[in-house]
Amino acid sequence: MGVLAATITACGSEPDKRCVDRLSREQLPRYECESGSSGGSPRGSYYYGGSVSDKKVSGGSFDRTAVDSGGFGCSGSGGG
């Protein structure tokens, strides 16, 4: 039953998202991606999917649609 619940939840869920510095790919606090933080434009951008190792992200994308596959067992749009 736990697997069924995970499958149903995965169908509508978004990929993991983290706030990341585009140049260094270092993970930042979420407020660094909010508009108006530090009195100007956000320092970071949201990075979707992937993993974090030593505060650096890899294996994902700044483009949400590139990693938004819909989850296991879901019908729907698959990216190509």
Protein backbone atom coordinates (compact mmCIF):
# COMPACT_ATOMS: atom_id res chain seq x y z
CA MET A 1 0.00 0.00 0.00
CA GLY A 2 2.93 2.37 0.67
CA VAL A 3 4.15 1.94 -2.91
CA LEU A 4 0.73 2.87 -4.27
CA ALA A 5 0.65 6.01 -2.13
CA ALA A 6 4.14 7.00 -3.33
CA THR A 7 3.12 6.45 -6.96
CA ILE A 8 -0.02 8.55 -6.63
CA THR A 9 1.89 11.32 -4.88
CA ALA A 10 4.67 11.28 -7.50
CA CYS A 11 2.23 11.85 -10.35
CA GLY A 12 1.31 15.34 -9.24
CA SER A 13 4.48 16.39 -7.52
CA GLU A 14 7.13 18.82 -8.67
CA PRO A 15 10.79 17.89 -8.91
CA ASP A 16 13.04 18.93 -6.02
CA LYS A 17 14.01 22.57 -6.24
CA ARG A 18 16.88 24.35 -4.60
CA CYS A 19 18.15 27.90 -4.63
CA VAL A 20 21.50 27.94 -6.42
CA ASP A 21 24.10 30.47 -7.59
CA ARG A 22 24.15 30.16 -11.40
CA LEU A 23 27.89 30.70 -11.72
CA SER A 24 29.31 28.64 -8.86
CA ARG A 25 26.42 26.14 -8.67
CA GLU A 26 26.59 26.47 -4.90
CA GLN A 27 23.38 25.89 -2.95
CA LEU A 28 22.09 29.08 -1.32
CA PRO A 29 19.42 29.81 1.30
CA ARG A 30 15.94 29.95 -0.25
CA TYR A 31 15.57 33.68 0.44
CA GLU A 32 18.40 34.33 -2.05
CA CYS A 33 15.99 33.28 -4.83
CA GLU A 34 13.13 35.51 -3.68
CA SER A 35 12.60 38.69 -5.65
CA GLY A 36 13.64 41.77 -3.77
CA SER A 37 16.10 40.00 -1.49
CA SER A 38 19.18 42.11 -0.66
CA GLY A 39 17.36 45.15 -2.01
CA GLY A 40 17.72 44.13 -5.67
CA SER A 41 17.48 41.18 -7.99
CA PRO A 42 17.77 37.73 -6.53
CA ARG A 43 21.29 36.34 -6.24
CA GLY A 44 20.23 32.78 -6.98
CA SER A 45 17.91 30.88 -9.27
CA TYR A 46 15.91 27.74 -8.68
CA TYR A 47 17.64 24.51 -9.74
CA TYR A 48 15.39 21.48 -10.29
CA GLY A 49 16.23 17.83 -9.63
CA GLY A 50 19.77 16.58 -9.34
CA SER A 51 21.70 16.19 -6.14
CA VAL A 52 23.92 18.17 -3.78
CA SER A 53 27.47 17.20 -2.85
CA ASP A 54 29.77 19.52 -0.88
CA LYS A 55 27.16 22.31 -1.28
CA LYS A 56 27.37 22.06 -5.12
CA VAL A 57 24.49 20.84 -7.28
CA SER A 58 24.73 18.52 -10.27
CA GLY A 59 22.55 16.29 -12.43
CA GLY A 60 19.60 18.67 -12.68
CA SER A 61 18.68 21.82 -14.56
CA PHE A 62 17.70 25.44 -14.08
CA ASP A 63 14.91 24.64 -16.56
CA ARG A 64 12.06 22.96 -14.67
CA THR A 65 10.53 21.45 -17.81
CA ALA A 66 13.80 19.60 -18.50
CA VAL A 67 13.37 17.51 -15.33
CA ASP A 68 9.57 17.49 -14.89
CA SER A 69 8.80 13.99 -16.14
CA GLY A 70 5.54 13.46 -14.25
CA GLY A 71 6.75 10.68 -11.97
CA PHE A 72 6.68 6.91 -12.13
CA GLY A 73 3.60 5.29 -13.61
CA CYS A 74 2.03 8.53 -14.80
CA SER A 75 0.69 9.10 -18.24
CA GLY A 76 1.22 12.51 -19.66
CA SER A 77 3.78 14.60 -21.40
CA GLY A 78 7.27 13.23 -21.48
CA GLY A 79 10.11 15.50 -22.42
CA GLY A 80 12.22 14.49 -25.37
